[in-house]
N, C-alpha and C. Protein backbone atom coordinates (compact mmCIF):
# COMPACT_ATOMS: atom_id res chain seq x y z
N MET A 1 0.84 -1.18 0.00
CA MET A 1 0.00 0.00 0.00
C MET A 1 0.89 1.24 0.00
N THR A 2 0.57 2.19 -0.89
CA THR A 2 1.28 3.46 -0.91
C THR A 2 0.46 4.51 -0.19
N ALA A 3 1.06 5.65 0.09
CA ALA A 3 0.38 6.73 0.82
C ALA A 3 -0.81 7.27 0.02
N ASN A 4 -0.73 7.20 -1.31
CA ASN A 4 -1.79 7.77 -2.14
C ASN A 4 -2.85 6.76 -2.56
N ARG A 5 -2.65 5.51 -2.24
CA ARG A 5 -3.57 4.48 -2.71
C ARG A 5 -4.18 3.74 -1.52
N PRO A 6 -5.51 3.71 -1.44
CA PRO A 6 -6.14 3.00 -0.33
C PRO A 6 -5.94 1.50 -0.45
N PRO A 7 -6.00 0.78 0.65
CA PRO A 7 -5.87 -0.68 0.58
C PRO A 7 -7.04 -1.29 -0.18
N GLU A 8 -6.83 -2.50 -0.71
CA GLU A 8 -7.87 -3.18 -1.50
C GLU A 8 -9.17 -3.35 -0.73
N ASP A 9 -9.09 -3.53 0.58
CA ASP A 9 -10.31 -3.75 1.37
C ASP A 9 -10.88 -2.45 1.95
N ALA A 10 -10.43 -1.31 1.45
CA ALA A 10 -10.95 -0.02 1.94
C ALA A 10 -12.44 0.08 1.65
N PRO A 11 -13.18 0.71 2.55
CA PRO A 11 -14.60 0.91 2.26
C PRO A 11 -14.77 1.82 1.04
N HIS A 12 -15.84 1.61 0.31
CA HIS A 12 -16.14 2.42 -0.86
C HIS A 12 -17.36 3.28 -0.56
N ALA A 13 -17.43 4.41 -1.21
CA ALA A 13 -18.56 5.32 -1.05
C ALA A 13 -18.77 6.09 -2.33
N GLU A 14 -19.93 6.70 -2.43
CA GLU A 14 -20.22 7.61 -3.53
C GLU A 14 -20.58 8.95 -2.92
N ILE A 15 -19.95 10.01 -3.40
CA ILE A 15 -20.27 11.34 -2.91
C ILE A 15 -20.95 12.11 -4.02
N VAL A 16 -21.69 13.14 -3.64
CA VAL A 16 -22.44 13.93 -4.61
C VAL A 16 -22.27 15.40 -4.28
N GLN A 17 -21.98 16.19 -5.29
CA GLN A 17 -21.95 17.63 -5.12
C GLN A 17 -22.91 18.25 -6.13
N ARG A 18 -23.75 19.17 -5.66
CA ARG A 18 -24.77 19.80 -6.50
C ARG A 18 -24.32 21.20 -6.89
N PHE A 19 -24.56 21.52 -8.16
CA PHE A 19 -24.29 22.85 -8.70
C PHE A 19 -25.58 23.39 -9.28
N ARG A 20 -25.82 24.67 -9.10
CA ARG A 20 -27.04 25.30 -9.60
C ARG A 20 -26.68 26.43 -10.57
N PHE A 21 -27.51 26.57 -11.60
CA PHE A 21 -27.34 27.66 -12.54
C PHE A 21 -28.66 27.92 -13.24
N HIS A 22 -28.74 29.05 -13.91
CA HIS A 22 -29.95 29.47 -14.62
C HIS A 22 -29.58 29.69 -16.08
N SER A 23 -30.38 29.11 -16.96
CA SER A 23 -30.10 29.22 -18.39
C SER A 23 -31.40 29.15 -19.17
N ALA A 24 -31.32 29.63 -20.40
CA ALA A 24 -32.43 29.51 -21.34
C ALA A 24 -32.06 28.49 -22.41
N HIS A 25 -33.07 27.93 -23.02
CA HIS A 25 -32.85 27.04 -24.15
C HIS A 25 -34.15 26.88 -24.91
N PHE A 26 -34.06 26.22 -26.05
CA PHE A 26 -35.22 25.77 -26.80
C PHE A 26 -34.83 24.47 -27.46
N LEU A 27 -35.82 23.67 -27.77
CA LEU A 27 -35.56 22.37 -28.40
C LEU A 27 -35.92 22.45 -29.88
N PRO A 28 -34.90 22.49 -30.74
CA PRO A 28 -35.14 22.73 -32.16
C PRO A 28 -35.74 21.54 -32.91
N ASN A 29 -35.71 20.35 -32.32
CA ASN A 29 -36.13 19.15 -33.04
C ASN A 29 -37.51 18.66 -32.67
N VAL A 30 -38.29 19.47 -31.96
CA VAL A 30 -39.66 19.09 -31.64
C VAL A 30 -40.60 19.83 -32.59
N SER A 31 -41.84 19.45 -32.59
CA SER A 31 -42.84 20.09 -33.43
C SER A 31 -42.87 21.60 -33.18
N PRO A 32 -43.11 22.40 -34.21
CA PRO A 32 -43.21 23.85 -34.02
C PRO A 32 -44.31 24.23 -33.03
N LEU A 33 -45.25 23.35 -32.78
CA LEU A 33 -46.33 23.63 -31.84
C LEU A 33 -45.99 23.23 -30.40
N HIS A 34 -44.92 22.50 -30.22
CA HIS A 34 -44.53 22.04 -28.88
C HIS A 34 -44.05 23.23 -28.05
N ARG A 35 -44.44 23.30 -26.80
CA ARG A 35 -44.09 24.45 -25.96
C ARG A 35 -42.58 24.59 -25.77
N CYS A 36 -41.85 23.49 -25.83
CA CYS A 36 -40.39 23.57 -25.63
C CYS A 36 -39.65 24.06 -26.87
N ARG A 37 -40.38 24.26 -27.97
CA ARG A 37 -39.76 24.82 -29.18
C ARG A 37 -39.46 26.31 -28.96
N ARG A 38 -40.25 26.95 -28.07
CA ARG A 38 -40.04 28.36 -27.78
C ARG A 38 -38.92 28.52 -26.76
N VAL A 39 -38.22 29.63 -26.81
CA VAL A 39 -37.17 29.92 -25.82
C VAL A 39 -37.82 30.02 -24.45
N HIS A 40 -37.23 29.32 -23.50
CA HIS A 40 -37.70 29.36 -22.11
C HIS A 40 -36.50 29.06 -21.21
N GLY A 41 -36.67 29.28 -19.93
CA GLY A 41 -35.55 29.10 -19.01
C GLY A 41 -35.85 28.11 -17.92
N HIS A 42 -34.77 27.66 -17.28
CA HIS A 42 -34.86 26.75 -16.14
C HIS A 42 -33.85 27.18 -15.09
N SER A 43 -34.16 26.86 -13.87
CA SER A 43 -33.19 26.93 -12.78
C SER A 43 -32.66 25.51 -12.61
N TYR A 44 -31.56 25.22 -13.26
CA TYR A 44 -31.02 23.87 -13.30
C TYR A 44 -30.27 23.54 -12.01
N ALA A 45 -30.24 22.25 -11.71
CA ALA A 45 -29.33 21.71 -10.70
C ALA A 45 -28.64 20.52 -11.35
N VAL A 46 -27.34 20.42 -11.13
CA VAL A 46 -26.57 19.30 -11.65
C VAL A 46 -25.90 18.61 -10.48
N ASP A 47 -26.14 17.31 -10.35
CA ASP A 47 -25.49 16.49 -9.32
C ASP A 47 -24.34 15.74 -9.95
N VAL A 48 -23.15 15.93 -9.41
CA VAL A 48 -21.96 15.23 -9.87
C VAL A 48 -21.65 14.15 -8.84
N HIS A 49 -21.71 12.89 -9.27
CA HIS A 49 -21.46 11.74 -8.39
C HIS A 49 -20.06 11.19 -8.68
N VAL A 50 -19.31 10.96 -7.62
CA VAL A 50 -17.99 10.35 -7.74
C VAL A 50 -17.93 9.20 -6.75
N ALA A 51 -17.52 8.03 -7.21
CA ALA A 51 -17.48 6.84 -6.36
C ALA A 51 -16.06 6.28 -6.33
N GLY A 52 -15.75 5.63 -5.23
CA GLY A 52 -14.45 5.00 -5.12
C GLY A 52 -14.12 4.66 -3.68
N PRO A 53 -12.91 4.19 -3.47
CA PRO A 53 -12.51 3.82 -2.11
C PRO A 53 -12.31 5.07 -1.25
N VAL A 54 -12.64 4.92 0.01
CA VAL A 54 -12.44 6.00 0.98
C VAL A 54 -10.98 5.95 1.40
N GLY A 55 -10.28 7.05 1.21
CA GLY A 55 -8.87 7.11 1.57
C GLY A 55 -8.66 6.87 3.07
N GLU A 56 -7.71 6.01 3.38
CA GLU A 56 -7.45 5.68 4.78
C GLU A 56 -7.03 6.92 5.57
N ARG A 57 -6.20 7.71 4.98
CA ARG A 57 -5.69 8.90 5.67
C ARG A 57 -6.63 10.10 5.52
N SER A 58 -7.13 10.34 4.29
CA SER A 58 -7.98 11.52 4.04
C SER A 58 -9.38 11.33 4.58
N GLY A 59 -9.88 10.09 4.55
CA GLY A 59 -11.24 9.81 4.99
C GLY A 59 -12.30 10.16 3.95
N TRP A 60 -11.88 10.46 2.72
CA TRP A 60 -12.84 10.79 1.69
C TRP A 60 -12.52 10.10 0.37
N VAL A 61 -13.49 10.11 -0.53
CA VAL A 61 -13.30 9.56 -1.87
C VAL A 61 -12.50 10.56 -2.70
N VAL A 62 -12.92 11.80 -2.67
CA VAL A 62 -12.24 12.91 -3.35
C VAL A 62 -12.64 14.17 -2.61
N ASP A 63 -11.79 15.15 -2.63
CA ASP A 63 -12.07 16.43 -1.99
C ASP A 63 -13.17 17.14 -2.79
N PHE A 64 -14.21 17.62 -2.09
CA PHE A 64 -15.27 18.37 -2.77
C PHE A 64 -14.69 19.58 -3.52
N ALA A 65 -13.62 20.15 -3.01
CA ALA A 65 -12.98 21.29 -3.69
C ALA A 65 -12.45 20.89 -5.07
N ASP A 66 -12.02 19.64 -5.22
CA ASP A 66 -11.55 19.17 -6.53
C ASP A 66 -12.71 19.07 -7.52
N ILE A 67 -13.87 18.64 -7.04
CA ILE A 67 -15.05 18.58 -7.90
C ILE A 67 -15.45 20.00 -8.31
N GLU A 68 -15.44 20.90 -7.35
CA GLU A 68 -15.80 22.29 -7.63
C GLU A 68 -14.86 22.92 -8.67
N ARG A 69 -13.58 22.67 -8.53
CA ARG A 69 -12.61 23.19 -9.50
C ARG A 69 -12.85 22.61 -10.90
N ALA A 70 -13.14 21.33 -10.96
CA ALA A 70 -13.37 20.68 -12.26
C ALA A 70 -14.65 21.21 -12.92
N PHE A 71 -15.66 21.50 -12.11
CA PHE A 71 -16.94 21.94 -12.66
C PHE A 71 -16.96 23.44 -12.99
N ALA A 72 -16.07 24.22 -12.41
CA ALA A 72 -16.09 25.68 -12.57
C ALA A 72 -16.13 26.15 -14.03
N PRO A 73 -15.31 25.61 -14.94
CA PRO A 73 -15.39 26.09 -16.32
C PRO A 73 -16.73 25.75 -16.98
N LEU A 74 -17.33 24.64 -16.59
CA LEU A 74 -18.63 24.27 -17.16
C LEU A 74 -19.71 25.20 -16.64
N LEU A 75 -19.64 25.52 -15.36
CA LEU A 75 -20.60 26.45 -14.78
C LEU A 75 -20.52 27.80 -15.48
N GLU A 76 -19.31 28.24 -15.75
CA GLU A 76 -19.11 29.50 -16.47
C GLU A 76 -19.73 29.44 -17.86
N ALA A 77 -19.61 28.31 -18.53
CA ALA A 77 -20.15 28.17 -19.89
C ALA A 77 -21.67 28.07 -19.92
N LEU A 78 -22.28 27.57 -18.84
CA LEU A 78 -23.71 27.30 -18.83
C LEU A 78 -24.56 28.38 -18.16
N ASP A 79 -24.06 28.97 -17.11
CA ASP A 79 -24.86 29.88 -16.29
C ASP A 79 -25.20 31.17 -17.04
N HIS A 80 -26.49 31.47 -17.08
CA HIS A 80 -27.01 32.69 -17.72
C HIS A 80 -26.61 32.80 -19.20
N HIS A 81 -26.70 31.66 -19.89
CA HIS A 81 -26.45 31.62 -21.33
C HIS A 81 -27.63 30.96 -22.03
N LEU A 82 -27.75 31.20 -23.30
CA LEU A 82 -28.66 30.44 -24.14
C LEU A 82 -27.93 29.15 -24.50
N LEU A 83 -28.38 28.05 -23.95
CA LEU A 83 -27.64 26.79 -24.08
C LEU A 83 -27.44 26.36 -25.52
N ASN A 84 -28.38 26.69 -26.39
CA ASN A 84 -28.25 26.32 -27.80
C ASN A 84 -27.02 26.94 -28.45
N GLU A 85 -26.49 27.99 -27.86
CA GLU A 85 -25.30 28.66 -28.40
C GLU A 85 -24.00 28.13 -27.81
N VAL A 86 -24.09 27.22 -26.84
CA VAL A 86 -22.90 26.61 -26.25
C VAL A 86 -22.45 25.48 -27.18
N GLU A 87 -21.16 25.48 -27.53
CA GLU A 87 -20.65 24.47 -28.46
C GLU A 87 -20.96 23.06 -27.96
N GLY A 88 -21.62 22.28 -28.81
CA GLY A 88 -21.97 20.90 -28.47
C GLY A 88 -23.36 20.75 -27.88
N LEU A 89 -24.08 21.87 -27.68
CA LEU A 89 -25.42 21.79 -27.07
C LEU A 89 -26.47 22.43 -27.99
N ASP A 90 -26.39 22.17 -29.27
CA ASP A 90 -27.37 22.75 -30.18
C ASP A 90 -28.78 22.22 -29.95
N ASN A 91 -28.91 21.05 -29.36
CA ASN A 91 -30.21 20.47 -28.97
C ASN A 91 -30.12 20.13 -27.47
N PRO A 92 -30.22 21.14 -26.60
CA PRO A 92 -29.89 20.96 -25.19
C PRO A 92 -31.00 20.33 -24.34
N THR A 93 -31.29 19.07 -24.61
CA THR A 93 -32.18 18.32 -23.72
C THR A 93 -31.40 18.00 -22.44
N ALA A 94 -32.10 17.64 -21.40
CA ALA A 94 -31.42 17.27 -20.15
C ALA A 94 -30.50 16.07 -20.37
N GLU A 95 -30.94 15.13 -21.21
CA GLU A 95 -30.13 13.95 -21.49
C GLU A 95 -28.82 14.32 -22.17
N ARG A 96 -28.91 15.20 -23.16
CA ARG A 96 -27.70 15.61 -23.88
C ARG A 96 -26.80 16.48 -23.02
N MET A 97 -27.40 17.30 -22.17
CA MET A 97 -26.60 18.11 -21.26
C MET A 97 -25.82 17.23 -20.30
N ALA A 98 -26.46 16.17 -19.79
CA ALA A 98 -25.78 15.27 -18.87
C ALA A 98 -24.58 14.60 -19.53
N ALA A 99 -24.75 14.15 -20.77
CA ALA A 99 -23.64 13.52 -21.50
C ALA A 99 -22.55 14.54 -21.80
N TRP A 100 -22.94 15.76 -22.16
CA TRP A 100 -21.98 16.84 -22.44
C TRP A 100 -21.13 17.13 -21.21
N ILE A 101 -21.77 17.21 -20.07
CA ILE A 101 -21.06 17.46 -18.81
C ILE A 101 -20.12 16.30 -18.51
N TRP A 102 -20.60 15.07 -18.66
CA TRP A 102 -19.78 13.88 -18.41
C TRP A 102 -18.50 13.91 -19.25
N GLU A 103 -18.65 14.17 -20.53
CA GLU A 103 -17.50 14.17 -21.44
C GLU A 103 -16.41 15.14 -20.98
N ARG A 104 -16.81 16.23 -20.39
CA ARG A 104 -15.85 17.25 -19.96
C ARG A 104 -15.31 17.00 -18.56
N LEU A 105 -16.07 16.33 -17.72
CA LEU A 105 -15.61 16.07 -16.35
C LEU A 105 -14.83 14.77 -16.19
N ALA A 106 -15.16 13.77 -16.98
CA ALA A 106 -14.55 12.44 -16.80
C ALA A 106 -13.02 12.48 -16.79
N PRO A 107 -12.38 13.25 -17.68
CA PRO A 107 -10.91 13.28 -17.64
C PRO A 107 -10.36 13.94 -16.37
N GLU A 108 -11.16 14.79 -15.74
CA GLU A 108 -10.72 15.52 -14.55
C GLU A 108 -11.06 14.82 -13.25
N LEU A 109 -12.04 13.92 -13.27
CA LEU A 109 -12.54 13.31 -12.04
C LEU A 109 -12.55 11.78 -12.15
N PRO A 110 -11.44 11.13 -11.83
CA PRO A 110 -11.47 9.67 -11.79
C PRO A 110 -12.55 9.22 -10.80
N GLY A 111 -13.29 8.22 -11.18
CA GLY A 111 -14.35 7.73 -10.31
C GLY A 111 -15.70 8.38 -10.59
N LEU A 112 -15.76 9.28 -11.58
CA LEU A 112 -17.05 9.88 -11.93
C LEU A 112 -18.02 8.74 -12.21
N SER A 113 -19.16 8.73 -11.51
CA SER A 113 -20.07 7.60 -11.64
C SER A 113 -21.42 7.96 -12.23
N ARG A 114 -21.83 9.21 -12.14
CA ARG A 114 -23.06 9.64 -12.80
C ARG A 114 -23.19 11.15 -12.75
N ILE A 115 -23.95 11.65 -13.71
CA ILE A 115 -24.34 13.06 -13.78
C ILE A 115 -25.85 13.08 -13.82
N VAL A 116 -26.44 13.91 -12.98
CA VAL A 116 -27.89 14.08 -12.98
C VAL A 116 -28.18 15.55 -13.25
N VAL A 117 -28.95 15.82 -14.31
CA VAL A 117 -29.34 17.18 -14.66
C VAL A 117 -30.82 17.33 -14.33
N HIS A 118 -31.11 18.22 -13.40
CA HIS A 118 -32.49 18.51 -13.00
C HIS A 118 -32.95 19.77 -13.74
N GLU A 119 -33.96 19.62 -14.58
CA GLU A 119 -34.56 20.79 -15.22
C GLU A 119 -35.54 21.48 -14.27
N THR A 120 -36.24 20.67 -13.53
CA THR A 120 -37.18 21.16 -12.52
C THR A 120 -37.07 20.23 -11.32
N ASP A 121 -37.83 20.52 -10.28
CA ASP A 121 -37.86 19.63 -9.12
C ASP A 121 -38.47 18.27 -9.47
N ASP A 122 -39.24 18.23 -10.55
CA ASP A 122 -39.98 17.01 -10.91
C ASP A 122 -39.45 16.29 -12.14
N SER A 123 -38.42 16.83 -12.79
CA SER A 123 -37.94 16.16 -14.01
C SER A 123 -36.43 16.30 -14.13
N TRP A 124 -35.78 15.18 -14.43
CA TRP A 124 -34.33 15.15 -14.55
C TRP A 124 -33.90 13.98 -15.42
N ALA A 125 -32.63 14.03 -15.82
CA ALA A 125 -32.03 12.96 -16.60
C ALA A 125 -30.74 12.52 -15.91
N THR A 126 -30.49 11.23 -15.93
CA THR A 126 -29.28 10.66 -15.33
C THR A 126 -28.43 10.03 -16.43
N TYR A 127 -27.14 10.32 -16.39
CA TYR A 127 -26.20 9.74 -17.35
C TYR A 127 -25.09 9.07 -16.57
N ARG A 128 -24.77 7.82 -16.92
CA ARG A 128 -23.77 7.04 -16.20
C ARG A 128 -22.56 6.70 -17.07
N GLY A 129 -22.34 7.45 -18.12
CA GLY A 129 -21.19 7.21 -18.96
C GLY A 129 -21.56 6.50 -20.23
N PRO A 130 -20.66 6.53 -21.21
CA PRO A 130 -20.96 5.99 -22.54
C PRO A 130 -21.12 4.48 -22.58
N ASP A 131 -20.59 3.77 -21.60
CA ASP A 131 -20.66 2.30 -21.63
C ASP A 131 -21.86 1.74 -20.88
N TRP A 132 -22.61 2.59 -20.18
CA TRP A 132 -23.72 2.12 -19.36
C TRP A 132 -24.91 1.77 -20.22
N ARG A 133 -25.53 0.67 -19.92
CA ARG A 133 -26.79 0.26 -20.58
C ARG A 133 -27.72 -0.25 -19.50
N PRO A 134 -29.02 0.11 -19.60
CA PRO A 134 -29.98 -0.37 -18.59
C PRO A 134 -30.20 -1.87 -18.69
């Protein structure tokens, strides 16, 4: 065992950090009569889940500050913007936003286990990476 690597029998946990932002969007691929075709806004919440062994010395899976640092550029790109104008989000459904966020966070956060994008308190999408299948 090294100082930076937990033992094989270390307990595992999943931690979650929530980020909030406000943005507008429209869905270009729905019927012209669909209400989501018009520009509208949401107060989004994004849950970033990271799973892994709990460090024997640190007592955590990853420092929440590391998650915050990794998410900061994405928050800057999304908050108070028209999401359709963000590169890669021309059709910004919650599902596509979750995958977009994953693609940008995965290289920065080993152990990233899921992204949940909440459009409202009652509707959200969960993405568990490109290899996940139900």
